[in-house]
C-alpha cells in the first residue's frame, strides 16, 4: 500500500510539474475509466493555487481531457452495444444505475460530471453509448457539466487556495443542491430542444 501511495505521489508531482498539460492527460485517463478519485480536482486546485495565472487554462484543458476520455468510453459502448453494457452493469449497483439511466437519461451523466463529490460516472456513460444516445447530446451535457465544475474549482482555488477542499466540504449541501438545480435546467433544455426537433421533422 505504501509503495502504491508513493508511486501515486511521484506521478502527481510529475503531472503538477507539467502544469495544465498534465491535467489534460489526467482528466483524459480518469474519464476513460482509470480510477483516479478526486485526482483531477486535486491537481486543478494545486495548479490554480501555485500559479493563479494558469487557473483557467488548466480548467479548459481539464474539460477537453475529460470530454476526450468520456468519448472513448462512449464509443466503446456504442460499438459493443447492449451485450457489452450487460457486462458492466452486473451486480446490484450497476443494475440500479442502468434503471436510473433508462428513466432519467443524460441527467445521470450530468450530475456526477458536475459534482466534486465522488459519484459513479462510468456506467451512465456506457448506458449512453450502448443505448445509442445522440453524440451531440452527450457531448453538450458532459462539456457543460465539466466546464461548470472545473471553472468553478479554478475560481475557488484562486480565492481560497489550499483551503478550497475545506470550503467544499463545509458547503457540501449547497454544492449538491446547485448540482441538482443545474441538472434540472439542463434536462428541461434538452427536452425542449428534442420537442422542437421533433416538431420540425413532423409532417405538416
N, C-alpha and C. Protein backbone atom coordinates (compact mmCIF):
# COMPACT_ATOMS: atom_id res chain seq x y z
N UNK A 1 0.83 -1.21 0.00
CA UNK A 1 0.00 0.00 0.00
C UNK A 1 0.87 1.26 0.00
N UNK A 2 1.95 1.21 0.82
CA UNK A 2 2.86 2.36 0.88
C UNK A 2 3.51 2.61 -0.48
N UNK A 3 3.90 1.52 -1.17
CA UNK A 3 4.54 1.68 -2.48
C UNK A 3 3.58 2.28 -3.49
N UNK A 4 2.29 1.90 -3.38
CA UNK A 4 1.29 2.46 -4.31
C UNK A 4 1.12 3.95 -4.06
N UNK A 5 1.00 4.34 -2.78
CA UNK A 5 0.84 5.75 -2.47
C UNK A 5 2.07 6.55 -2.87
N UNK A 6 3.25 5.95 -2.72
CA UNK A 6 4.48 6.64 -3.12
C UNK A 6 4.53 6.82 -4.63
N UNK A 7 4.12 5.78 -5.36
CA UNK A 7 4.10 5.87 -6.82
C UNK A 7 3.12 6.94 -7.27
N UNK A 8 1.94 6.96 -6.60
CA UNK A 8 0.96 7.98 -6.96
C UNK A 8 1.50 9.38 -6.64
N UNK A 9 2.21 9.52 -5.52
CA UNK A 9 2.78 10.81 -5.17
C UNK A 9 3.78 11.29 -6.21
N UNK A 10 4.61 10.37 -6.69
CA UNK A 10 5.58 10.74 -7.74
C UNK A 10 4.87 11.09 -9.04
N UNK A 11 3.83 10.31 -9.37
CA UNK A 11 3.07 10.57 -10.59
C UNK A 11 2.40 11.93 -10.51
N UNK A 12 1.78 12.21 -9.34
CA UNK A 12 1.11 13.50 -9.16
C UNK A 12 2.10 14.66 -9.25
N UNK A 13 3.28 14.47 -8.66
CA UNK A 13 4.31 15.52 -8.71
C UNK A 13 4.75 15.79 -10.14
N UNK A 14 4.86 14.71 -10.93
CA UNK A 14 5.23 14.86 -12.34
C UNK A 14 4.16 15.64 -13.10
N UNK A 15 2.90 15.29 -12.85
CA UNK A 15 1.80 15.97 -13.53
C UNK A 15 1.75 17.45 -13.15
N UNK A 16 1.98 17.74 -11.87
CA UNK A 16 1.99 19.14 -11.43
C UNK A 16 3.11 19.90 -12.13
N UNK A 17 4.26 19.24 -12.30
CA UNK A 17 5.38 19.90 -12.98
C UNK A 17 5.06 20.17 -14.44
N UNK A 18 4.18 19.37 -15.03
CA UNK A 18 3.76 19.59 -16.42
C UNK A 18 2.75 20.73 -16.54
N UNK A 19 2.18 21.13 -15.42
CA UNK A 19 1.20 22.21 -15.44
C UNK A 19 -0.11 21.78 -16.07
N UNK A 20 -0.80 22.69 -16.76
CA UNK A 20 -2.11 22.37 -17.36
C UNK A 20 -2.07 21.17 -18.29
N UNK A 21 -0.95 20.96 -18.98
CA UNK A 21 -0.85 19.80 -19.88
C UNK A 21 -0.94 18.48 -19.11
N UNK A 22 -0.38 18.45 -17.91
CA UNK A 22 -0.51 17.26 -17.07
C UNK A 22 -1.94 17.02 -16.67
N UNK A 23 -2.68 18.10 -16.44
CA UNK A 23 -4.08 17.99 -16.09
C UNK A 23 -4.89 17.45 -17.26
N UNK A 24 -4.54 17.85 -18.47
CA UNK A 24 -5.20 17.33 -19.67
C UNK A 24 -5.08 15.82 -19.73
N UNK A 25 -3.88 15.31 -19.48
CA UNK A 25 -3.64 13.86 -19.52
C UNK A 25 -4.41 13.15 -18.41
N UNK A 26 -4.34 13.68 -17.20
CA UNK A 26 -5.00 13.02 -16.07
C UNK A 26 -6.52 13.01 -16.26
N UNK A 27 -7.09 14.10 -16.75
CA UNK A 27 -8.53 14.16 -16.96
C UNK A 27 -8.97 13.15 -18.02
N UNK A 28 -8.17 12.99 -19.06
CA UNK A 28 -8.50 12.02 -20.10
C UNK A 28 -8.45 10.60 -19.55
N UNK A 29 -7.41 10.28 -18.79
CA UNK A 29 -7.29 8.94 -18.20
C UNK A 29 -8.43 8.67 -17.22
N UNK A 30 -8.73 9.65 -16.40
CA UNK A 30 -9.78 9.50 -15.40
C UNK A 30 -11.14 9.21 -16.05
N UNK A 31 -11.49 9.99 -17.07
CA UNK A 31 -12.79 9.82 -17.72
C UNK A 31 -12.84 8.61 -18.62
N UNK A 32 -11.67 8.10 -19.03
CA UNK A 32 -11.65 6.91 -19.88
C UNK A 32 -11.76 5.62 -19.06
N UNK A 33 -11.84 5.75 -17.73
CA UNK A 33 -12.06 4.56 -16.92
C UNK A 33 -10.99 4.26 -15.91
N UNK A 34 -9.85 4.99 -15.93
CA UNK A 34 -8.82 4.78 -14.92
C UNK A 34 -9.28 5.41 -13.61
N UNK A 35 -9.40 4.61 -12.55
CA UNK A 35 -9.92 5.16 -11.28
C UNK A 35 -8.94 6.10 -10.60
N UNK A 36 -9.21 7.41 -10.71
CA UNK A 36 -8.38 8.42 -10.06
C UNK A 36 -9.32 9.33 -9.27
N UNK A 37 -9.91 8.80 -8.20
CA UNK A 37 -10.94 9.53 -7.46
C UNK A 37 -10.37 10.83 -6.88
N UNK A 38 -10.96 11.93 -7.31
CA UNK A 38 -10.55 13.23 -6.80
C UNK A 38 -9.24 13.74 -7.35
N UNK A 39 -8.55 12.95 -8.18
CA UNK A 39 -7.23 13.34 -8.66
C UNK A 39 -7.26 14.56 -9.55
N UNK A 40 -8.23 14.63 -10.44
CA UNK A 40 -8.32 15.77 -11.36
C UNK A 40 -8.61 17.05 -10.58
N UNK A 41 -9.57 16.98 -9.68
CA UNK A 41 -9.91 18.15 -8.87
C UNK A 41 -8.70 18.62 -8.05
N UNK A 42 -8.02 17.65 -7.42
CA UNK A 42 -6.86 18.00 -6.57
C UNK A 42 -5.75 18.64 -7.39
N UNK A 43 -5.50 18.09 -8.57
CA UNK A 43 -4.43 18.64 -9.42
C UNK A 43 -4.80 20.02 -9.93
N UNK A 44 -6.07 20.20 -10.31
CA UNK A 44 -6.52 21.52 -10.76
C UNK A 44 -6.36 22.55 -9.66
N UNK A 45 -6.76 22.19 -8.45
CA UNK A 45 -6.63 23.12 -7.33
C UNK A 45 -5.16 23.42 -7.04
N UNK A 46 -4.31 22.41 -7.14
CA UNK A 46 -2.87 22.62 -6.90
C UNK A 46 -2.28 23.57 -7.93
N UNK A 47 -2.63 23.36 -9.20
CA UNK A 47 -2.09 24.22 -10.26
C UNK A 47 -2.61 25.65 -10.10
N UNK A 48 -3.93 25.79 -9.85
CA UNK A 48 -4.53 27.12 -9.72
C UNK A 48 -4.01 27.85 -8.49
N UNK A 49 -3.69 27.10 -7.43
CA UNK A 49 -3.17 27.72 -6.21
C UNK A 49 -1.71 28.14 -6.39
N UNK A 50 -0.91 27.28 -7.00
CA UNK A 50 0.51 27.57 -7.16
C UNK A 50 0.79 28.58 -8.28
N UNK A 51 -0.08 28.59 -9.28
CA UNK A 51 0.10 29.51 -10.41
C UNK A 51 -1.27 30.02 -10.86
N UNK A 52 -1.82 31.02 -10.16
CA UNK A 52 -3.17 31.52 -10.45
C UNK A 52 -3.35 31.96 -11.90
N UNK A 53 -2.30 32.40 -12.54
CA UNK A 53 -2.41 32.84 -13.92
C UNK A 53 -2.76 31.72 -14.89
N UNK A 54 -2.51 30.46 -14.49
CA UNK A 54 -2.81 29.33 -15.34
C UNK A 54 -4.11 28.61 -14.93
N UNK A 55 -4.83 29.18 -13.99
CA UNK A 55 -6.01 28.50 -13.43
C UNK A 55 -7.05 28.18 -14.50
N UNK A 56 -7.40 29.16 -15.31
CA UNK A 56 -8.48 28.94 -16.28
C UNK A 56 -8.01 28.15 -17.50
N UNK A 57 -6.74 28.27 -17.83
CA UNK A 57 -6.19 27.40 -18.88
C UNK A 57 -6.24 25.95 -18.41
N UNK A 58 -5.85 25.73 -17.16
CA UNK A 58 -5.90 24.37 -16.61
C UNK A 58 -7.34 23.84 -16.61
N UNK A 59 -8.30 24.69 -16.24
CA UNK A 59 -9.70 24.28 -16.23
C UNK A 59 -10.16 23.91 -17.64
N UNK A 60 -9.77 24.72 -18.64
CA UNK A 60 -10.17 24.44 -20.02
C UNK A 60 -9.59 23.11 -20.50
N UNK A 61 -8.32 22.86 -20.18
CA UNK A 61 -7.71 21.61 -20.61
C UNK A 61 -8.30 20.41 -19.85
N UNK A 62 -8.71 20.63 -18.60
CA UNK A 62 -9.38 19.56 -17.86
C UNK A 62 -10.70 19.19 -18.52
N UNK A 63 -11.42 20.20 -19.01
CA UNK A 63 -12.68 19.95 -19.73
C UNK A 63 -12.41 19.15 -21.00
N UNK A 64 -11.41 19.57 -21.76
CA UNK A 64 -11.07 18.90 -23.01
C UNK A 64 -10.65 17.45 -22.75
N UNK A 65 -9.79 17.25 -21.77
CA UNK A 65 -9.34 15.91 -21.44
C UNK A 65 -10.46 15.01 -20.97
N UNK A 66 -11.32 15.54 -20.11
CA UNK A 66 -12.45 14.76 -19.59
C UNK A 66 -13.41 14.39 -20.71
N UNK A 67 -13.67 15.33 -21.61
CA UNK A 67 -14.57 15.05 -22.73
C UNK A 67 -13.97 13.99 -23.64
N UNK A 68 -12.65 14.08 -23.89
CA UNK A 68 -11.98 13.09 -24.74
C UNK A 68 -12.05 11.69 -24.13
N UNK A 69 -11.76 11.60 -22.82
CA UNK A 69 -11.83 10.30 -22.16
C UNK A 69 -13.24 9.73 -22.14
N UNK A 70 -14.23 10.59 -21.90
CA UNK A 70 -15.62 10.15 -21.89
C UNK A 70 -16.05 9.64 -23.26
N UNK A 71 -15.58 10.30 -24.31
CA UNK A 71 -15.93 9.88 -25.67
C UNK A 71 -15.33 8.52 -26.01
N UNK A 72 -14.17 8.21 -25.41
CA UNK A 72 -13.59 6.89 -25.62
C UNK A 72 -14.53 5.82 -25.07
N UNK A 73 -14.97 5.98 -23.83
CA UNK A 73 -15.91 5.03 -23.24
C UNK A 73 -17.22 4.98 -24.02
N UNK A 74 -17.69 6.15 -24.41
CA UNK A 74 -18.94 6.24 -25.17
C UNK A 74 -18.84 5.46 -26.48
N UNK A 75 -17.71 5.63 -27.20
CA UNK A 75 -17.52 4.96 -28.48
C UNK A 75 -17.41 3.45 -28.31
N UNK A 76 -16.70 3.02 -27.27
CA UNK A 76 -16.57 1.58 -27.00
C UNK A 76 -17.93 0.97 -26.73
N UNK A 77 -18.72 1.64 -25.89
CA UNK A 77 -20.05 1.12 -25.56
C UNK A 77 -20.97 1.15 -26.78
N UNK A 78 -20.84 2.18 -27.59
CA UNK A 78 -21.69 2.29 -28.79
C UNK A 78 -21.40 1.15 -29.76
N UNK A 79 -20.12 0.79 -29.87
CA UNK A 79 -19.75 -0.30 -30.77
C UNK A 79 -20.14 -1.65 -30.20
N UNK A 80 -19.97 -1.82 -28.89
CA UNK A 80 -20.28 -3.10 -28.26
C UNK A 80 -21.75 -3.33 -28.02
N UNK A 81 -22.52 -2.22 -27.95
CA UNK A 81 -23.96 -2.34 -27.78
C UNK A 81 -24.34 -2.86 -26.40
N UNK A 82 -25.56 -3.35 -26.30
CA UNK A 82 -26.10 -3.78 -25.01
C UNK A 82 -25.42 -5.04 -24.48
N UNK A 83 -24.81 -5.82 -25.36
CA UNK A 83 -24.09 -7.01 -24.89
C UNK A 83 -22.94 -6.59 -23.98
N UNK A 84 -22.17 -5.58 -24.44
CA UNK A 84 -21.07 -5.07 -23.63
C UNK A 84 -21.60 -4.36 -22.40
N UNK A 85 -22.72 -3.66 -22.54
CA UNK A 85 -23.30 -2.95 -21.41
C UNK A 85 -23.63 -3.91 -20.28
N UNK A 86 -24.20 -5.05 -20.61
CA UNK A 86 -24.60 -6.01 -19.59
C UNK A 86 -23.42 -6.47 -18.73
N UNK A 87 -22.22 -6.51 -19.33
CA UNK A 87 -21.04 -6.92 -18.57
C UNK A 87 -20.65 -5.87 -17.54
N UNK A 88 -21.04 -4.61 -17.79
CA UNK A 88 -20.65 -3.53 -16.91
C UNK A 88 -21.75 -3.15 -15.93
N UNK A 89 -22.92 -3.69 -16.09
CA UNK A 89 -23.99 -3.39 -15.15
C UNK A 89 -24.31 -4.60 -14.28
N UNK A 90 -23.41 -5.60 -14.33
CA UNK A 90 -23.62 -6.77 -13.48
C UNK A 90 -23.51 -6.34 -12.02
N UNK A 91 -24.31 -6.93 -11.20
CA UNK A 91 -24.33 -6.56 -9.79
C UNK A 91 -25.46 -5.59 -9.51
N UNK A 92 -25.77 -5.47 -8.25
CA UNK A 92 -26.92 -4.67 -7.83
C UNK A 92 -26.76 -3.18 -8.15
N UNK A 93 -25.55 -2.66 -7.87
CA UNK A 93 -25.33 -1.23 -8.09
C UNK A 93 -25.39 -0.88 -9.57
N UNK A 94 -24.75 -1.70 -10.41
CA UNK A 94 -24.76 -1.43 -11.84
C UNK A 94 -26.15 -1.52 -12.42
N UNK A 95 -26.93 -2.51 -11.98
CA UNK A 95 -28.29 -2.65 -12.47
C UNK A 95 -29.14 -1.44 -12.09
N UNK A 96 -28.93 -0.94 -10.86
CA UNK A 96 -29.68 0.23 -10.42
C UNK A 96 -29.35 1.46 -11.25
N UNK A 97 -28.07 1.66 -11.56
CA UNK A 97 -27.67 2.79 -12.40
C UNK A 97 -28.24 2.67 -13.80
N UNK A 98 -28.31 1.44 -14.31
CA UNK A 98 -28.90 1.21 -15.63
C UNK A 98 -30.37 1.62 -15.63
N UNK A 99 -31.09 1.23 -14.59
CA UNK A 99 -32.51 1.59 -14.48
C UNK A 99 -32.66 3.11 -14.39
N UNK A 100 -31.81 3.74 -13.60
CA UNK A 100 -31.87 5.20 -13.48
C UNK A 100 -31.63 5.87 -14.82
N UNK A 101 -30.68 5.33 -15.60
CA UNK A 101 -30.41 5.94 -16.89
C UNK A 101 -31.63 5.81 -17.81
N UNK A 102 -32.24 4.66 -17.82
CA UNK A 102 -33.42 4.47 -18.65
C UNK A 102 -34.55 5.42 -18.26
N UNK A 103 -34.59 5.76 -16.99
CA UNK A 103 -35.65 6.65 -16.51
C UNK A 103 -35.31 8.12 -16.69
N UNK A 104 -34.06 8.49 -16.38
CA UNK A 104 -33.70 9.90 -16.36
C UNK A 104 -32.74 10.32 -17.48
N UNK A 105 -32.24 9.36 -18.25
CA UNK A 105 -31.40 9.70 -19.39
C UNK A 105 -30.09 10.36 -18.99
N UNK A 106 -29.70 11.40 -19.74
CA UNK A 106 -28.40 12.03 -19.56
C UNK A 106 -28.25 12.80 -18.25
N UNK A 107 -29.34 12.93 -17.52
CA UNK A 107 -29.24 13.56 -16.20
C UNK A 107 -28.34 12.74 -15.29
N UNK A 108 -28.29 11.41 -15.52
CA UNK A 108 -27.43 10.53 -14.71
C UNK A 108 -25.96 10.69 -15.09
N UNK A 109 -25.69 11.29 -16.22
CA UNK A 109 -24.31 11.62 -16.61
C UNK A 109 -23.95 13.01 -16.08
N UNK A 110 -24.91 13.93 -16.18
CA UNK A 110 -24.65 15.32 -15.82
C UNK A 110 -24.30 15.48 -14.34
N UNK A 111 -25.07 14.83 -13.47
CA UNK A 111 -24.87 15.03 -12.03
C UNK A 111 -23.48 14.59 -11.56
N UNK A 112 -23.01 13.36 -11.87
CA UNK A 112 -21.64 13.01 -11.44
C UNK A 112 -20.57 13.81 -12.16
N UNK A 113 -20.88 14.28 -13.38
CA UNK A 113 -19.88 15.06 -14.12
C UNK A 113 -19.68 16.44 -13.50
N UNK A 114 -20.72 16.98 -12.88
CA UNK A 114 -20.60 18.33 -12.32
C UNK A 114 -20.23 18.32 -10.85
N UNK A 115 -20.56 17.22 -10.16
CA UNK A 115 -20.37 17.20 -8.70
C UNK A 115 -18.92 16.90 -8.32
N UNK A 116 -18.34 17.71 -7.42
CA UNK A 116 -16.99 17.40 -6.93
C UNK A 116 -17.00 16.22 -5.95
N UNK A 117 -18.17 15.80 -5.51
CA UNK A 117 -18.27 14.61 -4.67
C UNK A 117 -18.12 13.38 -5.56
N UNK A 118 -17.46 12.32 -5.07
CA UNK A 118 -17.22 11.14 -5.90
C UNK A 118 -18.51 10.37 -6.19
N UNK A 119 -18.98 10.44 -7.42
CA UNK A 119 -20.18 9.74 -7.85
C UNK A 119 -19.84 8.90 -9.08
N UNK A 120 -20.46 7.72 -9.24
CA UNK A 120 -20.13 6.85 -10.38
C UNK A 120 -20.58 7.46 -11.70
N UNK A 121 -19.68 7.46 -12.68
CA UNK A 121 -19.98 8.05 -13.99
C UNK A 121 -19.77 7.05 -15.13
N UNK A 122 -18.95 6.03 -14.89
CA UNK A 122 -18.60 5.11 -15.96
C UNK A 122 -19.82 4.38 -16.51
N UNK A 123 -20.67 3.85 -15.64
CA UNK A 123 -21.83 3.09 -16.11
C UNK A 123 -22.83 3.97 -16.85
N UNK A 124 -23.16 5.19 -16.35
CA UNK A 124 -24.04 6.05 -17.15
C UNK A 124 -23.49 6.35 -18.54
N UNK A 125 -22.17 6.52 -18.65
CA UNK A 125 -21.59 6.76 -19.97
C UNK A 125 -21.74 5.53 -20.86
N UNK A 126 -21.50 4.35 -20.28
CA UNK A 126 -21.71 3.12 -21.03
C UNK A 126 -23.16 2.99 -21.48
N UNK A 127 -24.09 3.35 -20.60
CA UNK A 127 -25.51 3.30 -20.96
C UNK A 127 -25.80 4.24 -22.12
N UNK A 128 -25.25 5.44 -22.07
CA UNK A 128 -25.49 6.42 -23.14
C UNK A 128 -24.99 5.89 -24.48
N UNK A 129 -23.80 5.28 -24.48
CA UNK A 129 -23.26 4.75 -25.73
C UNK A 129 -24.01 3.54 -26.24
N UNK A 130 -24.26 2.58 -25.35
CA UNK A 130 -24.90 1.33 -25.75
C UNK A 130 -26.34 1.54 -26.19
N UNK A 131 -27.03 2.51 -25.57
CA UNK A 131 -28.42 2.76 -25.90
C UNK A 131 -28.58 3.80 -27.01
N UNK A 132 -27.46 4.10 -27.68
CA UNK A 132 -27.48 4.93 -28.89
C UNK A 132 -27.99 6.35 -28.68
N UNK A 133 -27.60 6.96 -27.55
CA UNK A 133 -27.89 8.38 -27.34
C UNK A 133 -27.15 9.19 -28.41
N UNK A 134 -27.80 10.23 -28.91
CA UNK A 134 -27.15 11.05 -29.94
C UNK A 134 -25.88 11.68 -29.38
N UNK A 135 -24.81 11.58 -30.14
CA UNK A 135 -23.50 12.02 -29.65
C UNK A 135 -23.49 13.52 -29.37
N UNK A 136 -24.27 14.31 -30.13
CA UNK A 136 -24.31 15.75 -29.89
C UNK A 136 -24.89 16.05 -28.51
N UNK A 137 -25.93 15.31 -28.10
CA UNK A 137 -26.50 15.49 -26.77
C UNK A 137 -25.47 15.12 -25.71
N UNK A 138 -24.81 13.99 -25.93
CA UNK A 138 -23.83 13.51 -24.96
C UNK A 138 -22.71 14.53 -24.78
N UNK A 139 -22.16 15.02 -25.87
CA UNK A 139 -21.06 15.99 -25.80
C UNK A 139 -21.51 17.26 -25.09
N UNK A 140 -22.70 17.76 -25.42
CA UNK A 140 -23.16 19.01 -24.82
C UNK A 140 -23.36 18.87 -23.32
N UNK A 141 -23.88 17.73 -22.87
CA UNK A 141 -24.12 17.52 -21.43
C UNK A 141 -22.80 17.39 -20.68
N UNK A 142 -21.88 16.56 -21.18
CA UNK A 142 -20.60 16.37 -20.50
C UNK A 142 -19.79 17.67 -20.50
N UNK A 143 -19.74 18.34 -21.65
CA UNK A 143 -18.96 19.58 -21.74
C UNK A 143 -19.52 20.65 -20.81
N UNK A 144 -20.85 20.79 -20.76
CA UNK A 144 -21.46 21.80 -19.89
C UNK A 144 -21.17 21.50 -18.43
N UNK A 145 -21.35 20.23 -18.03
CA UNK A 145 -21.13 19.86 -16.63
C UNK A 145 -19.68 20.05 -16.22
N UNK A 146 -18.77 19.56 -17.05
CA UNK A 146 -17.34 19.67 -16.71
C UNK A 146 -16.87 21.13 -16.73
N UNK A 147 -17.38 21.93 -17.65
CA UNK A 147 -16.98 23.33 -17.69
C UNK A 147 -17.41 24.05 -16.42
N UNK A 148 -18.65 23.83 -16.00
CA UNK A 148 -19.12 24.46 -14.76
C UNK A 148 -18.27 24.01 -13.58
N UNK A 149 -18.03 22.70 -13.50
CA UNK A 149 -17.27 22.14 -12.38
C UNK A 149 -15.84 22.66 -12.34
N UNK A 150 -15.12 22.54 -13.43
CA UNK A 150 -13.69 22.86 -13.40
C UNK A 150 -13.42 24.35 -13.35
N UNK A 151 -14.22 25.16 -14.03
CA UNK A 151 -14.00 26.61 -13.96
C UNK A 151 -14.39 27.14 -12.58
N UNK A 152 -15.41 26.53 -11.97
CA UNK A 152 -15.76 26.92 -10.60
C UNK A 152 -14.64 26.55 -9.63
N UNK A 153 -14.06 25.36 -9.79
CA UNK A 153 -12.95 24.95 -8.94
C UNK A 153 -11.74 25.87 -9.14
N UNK A 154 -11.49 26.26 -10.39
CA UNK A 154 -10.37 27.17 -10.66
C UNK A 154 -10.58 28.50 -9.95
N UNK A 155 -11.81 28.99 -10.01
CA UNK A 155 -12.12 30.26 -9.33
C UNK A 155 -11.95 30.13 -7.81
N UNK A 156 -12.49 29.04 -7.26
CA UNK A 156 -12.38 28.82 -5.81
C UNK A 156 -10.92 28.67 -5.38
N UNK A 157 -10.12 27.97 -6.20
CA UNK A 157 -8.71 27.79 -5.87
C UNK A 157 -7.97 29.12 -5.89
N UNK A 158 -8.32 30.00 -6.82
CA UNK A 158 -7.71 31.33 -6.84
C UNK A 158 -8.09 32.12 -5.58
N UNK A 159 -9.31 31.88 -5.10
CA UNK A 159 -9.83 32.63 -3.96
C UNK A 159 -9.37 32.06 -2.61
N UNK A 160 -9.48 30.71 -2.47
CA UNK A 160 -9.23 30.08 -1.17
C UNK A 160 -7.92 29.28 -1.11
N UNK A 161 -7.28 29.07 -2.24
CA UNK A 161 -6.01 28.35 -2.24
C UNK A 161 -6.16 26.93 -1.73
N UNK A 162 -5.27 26.54 -0.83
CA UNK A 162 -5.27 25.16 -0.31
C UNK A 162 -6.47 24.88 0.61
N UNK A 163 -7.23 25.91 0.95
CA UNK A 163 -8.42 25.72 1.77
C UNK A 163 -9.65 25.40 0.94
N UNK A 164 -9.48 25.22 -0.38
CA UNK A 164 -10.61 25.00 -1.26
C UNK A 164 -11.40 23.75 -0.90
N UNK A 165 -10.70 22.64 -0.65
CA UNK A 165 -11.39 21.40 -0.30
C UNK A 165 -12.16 21.56 1.01
N UNK A 166 -11.58 22.28 1.96
CA UNK A 166 -12.28 22.50 3.23
C UNK A 166 -13.55 23.32 2.99
N UNK A 167 -13.46 24.30 2.09
CA UNK A 167 -14.64 25.11 1.74
C UNK A 167 -15.72 24.23 1.13
N UNK A 168 -15.33 23.34 0.22
CA UNK A 168 -16.31 22.47 -0.44
C UNK A 168 -16.96 21.52 0.57
N UNK A 169 -16.17 20.97 1.47
CA UNK A 169 -16.72 20.06 2.47
C UNK A 169 -17.68 20.77 3.41
N UNK A 170 -17.34 22.00 3.78
CA UNK A 170 -18.20 22.73 4.71
C UNK A 170 -19.46 23.25 4.05
N UNK A 171 -19.48 23.28 2.71
CA UNK A 171 -20.66 23.73 1.97
C UNK A 171 -21.19 22.61 1.07
N UNK A 172 -21.07 21.36 1.56
CA UNK A 172 -21.49 20.21 0.75
C UNK A 172 -22.93 20.25 0.32
N UNK A 173 -23.83 20.68 1.21
CA UNK A 173 -25.26 20.73 0.89
C UNK A 173 -25.52 21.73 -0.23
N UNK A 174 -24.87 22.89 -0.16
CA UNK A 174 -25.05 23.90 -1.20
C UNK A 174 -24.56 23.39 -2.55
N UNK A 175 -23.41 22.69 -2.52
CA UNK A 175 -22.85 22.13 -3.76
C UNK A 175 -23.82 21.12 -4.36
N UNK A 176 -24.38 20.24 -3.53
CA UNK A 176 -25.31 19.22 -4.01
C UNK A 176 -26.58 19.84 -4.59
N UNK A 177 -27.14 20.81 -3.88
CA UNK A 177 -28.37 21.47 -4.36
C UNK A 177 -28.12 22.20 -5.67
N UNK A 178 -26.97 22.87 -5.76
CA UNK A 178 -26.62 23.58 -7.00
C UNK A 178 -26.49 22.61 -8.17
N UNK A 179 -25.83 21.47 -7.94
CA UNK A 179 -25.66 20.46 -8.99
C UNK A 179 -27.01 19.93 -9.47
N UNK A 180 -27.89 19.64 -8.52
CA UNK A 180 -29.21 19.12 -8.89
C UNK A 180 -30.01 20.17 -9.64
N UNK A 181 -29.94 21.43 -9.18
CA UNK A 181 -30.66 22.51 -9.86
C UNK A 181 -30.20 22.69 -11.29
N UNK A 182 -28.88 22.69 -11.48
CA UNK A 182 -28.34 22.82 -12.83
C UNK A 182 -28.72 21.61 -13.69
N UNK A 183 -28.74 20.43 -13.08
CA UNK A 183 -29.13 19.23 -13.81
C UNK A 183 -30.56 19.34 -14.31
N UNK A 184 -31.44 19.87 -13.48
CA UNK A 184 -32.84 20.04 -13.88
C UNK A 184 -32.94 21.03 -15.04
N UNK A 185 -32.18 22.13 -14.95
CA UNK A 185 -32.20 23.12 -16.03
C UNK A 185 -31.73 22.50 -17.35
N UNK A 186 -30.64 21.72 -17.29
CA UNK A 186 -30.13 21.06 -18.49
C UNK A 186 -31.15 20.07 -19.04
N UNK A 187 -31.78 19.31 -18.15
CA UNK A 187 -32.77 18.32 -18.58
C UNK A 187 -33.94 18.99 -19.28
N UNK A 188 -34.45 20.08 -18.69
CA UNK A 188 -35.57 20.80 -19.31
C UNK A 188 -35.15 21.34 -20.67
N UNK A 189 -33.93 21.89 -20.73
CA UNK A 189 -33.44 22.40 -22.02
C UNK A 189 -33.34 21.32 -23.08
N UNK A 190 -32.85 20.13 -22.70
CA UNK A 190 -32.77 19.03 -23.65
C UNK A 190 -34.15 18.59 -24.12
N UNK A 191 -35.10 18.52 -23.18
CA UNK A 191 -36.45 18.10 -23.53
C UNK A 191 -37.09 19.10 -24.50
N UNK A 192 -36.90 20.39 -24.24
CA UNK A 192 -37.47 21.40 -25.13
C UNK A 192 -36.82 21.34 -26.51
N UNK A 193 -35.52 21.12 -26.53
CA UNK A 193 -34.82 21.01 -27.82
C UNK A 193 -35.31 19.79 -28.60
N UNK A 194 -35.48 18.67 -27.90
CA UNK A 194 -35.96 17.46 -28.55
C UNK A 194 -37.36 17.65 -29.13
N UNK A 195 -38.22 18.33 -28.37
CA UNK A 195 -39.57 18.59 -28.85
C UNK A 195 -39.55 19.51 -30.07
N UNK A 196 -38.64 20.50 -30.02
CA UNK A 196 -38.51 21.42 -31.16
C UNK A 196 -38.06 20.67 -32.41
N UNK A 197 -37.06 19.78 -32.23
CA UNK A 197 -36.57 18.99 -33.35
C UNK A 197 -37.65 18.06 -33.89
N UNK A 198 -38.41 17.47 -32.97
CA UNK A 198 -39.48 16.56 -33.40
C UNK A 198 -40.57 17.31 -34.15
N UNK A 199 -40.88 18.54 -33.70
CA UNK A 199 -41.92 19.35 -34.35
C UNK A 199 -41.47 19.76 -35.75
N UNK A 200 -40.17 20.06 -35.89
CA UNK A 200 -39.66 20.43 -37.22
C UNK A 200 -39.68 19.27 -38.19
N UNK A 201 -39.47 18.06 -37.65
CA UNK A 201 -39.42 16.87 -38.50
C UNK A 201 -40.79 16.29 -38.78
N UNK A 202 -41.82 16.74 -38.04
CA UNK A 202 -43.16 16.16 -38.23
C UNK A 202 -43.77 16.67 -39.54
N UNK A 203 -44.52 15.81 -40.25
CA UNK A 203 -45.17 16.24 -41.49
C UNK A 203 -46.27 17.23 -41.22
N UNK A 204 -46.42 18.19 -42.10
CA UNK A 204 -47.45 19.21 -41.93
C UNK A 204 -48.80 18.64 -42.33
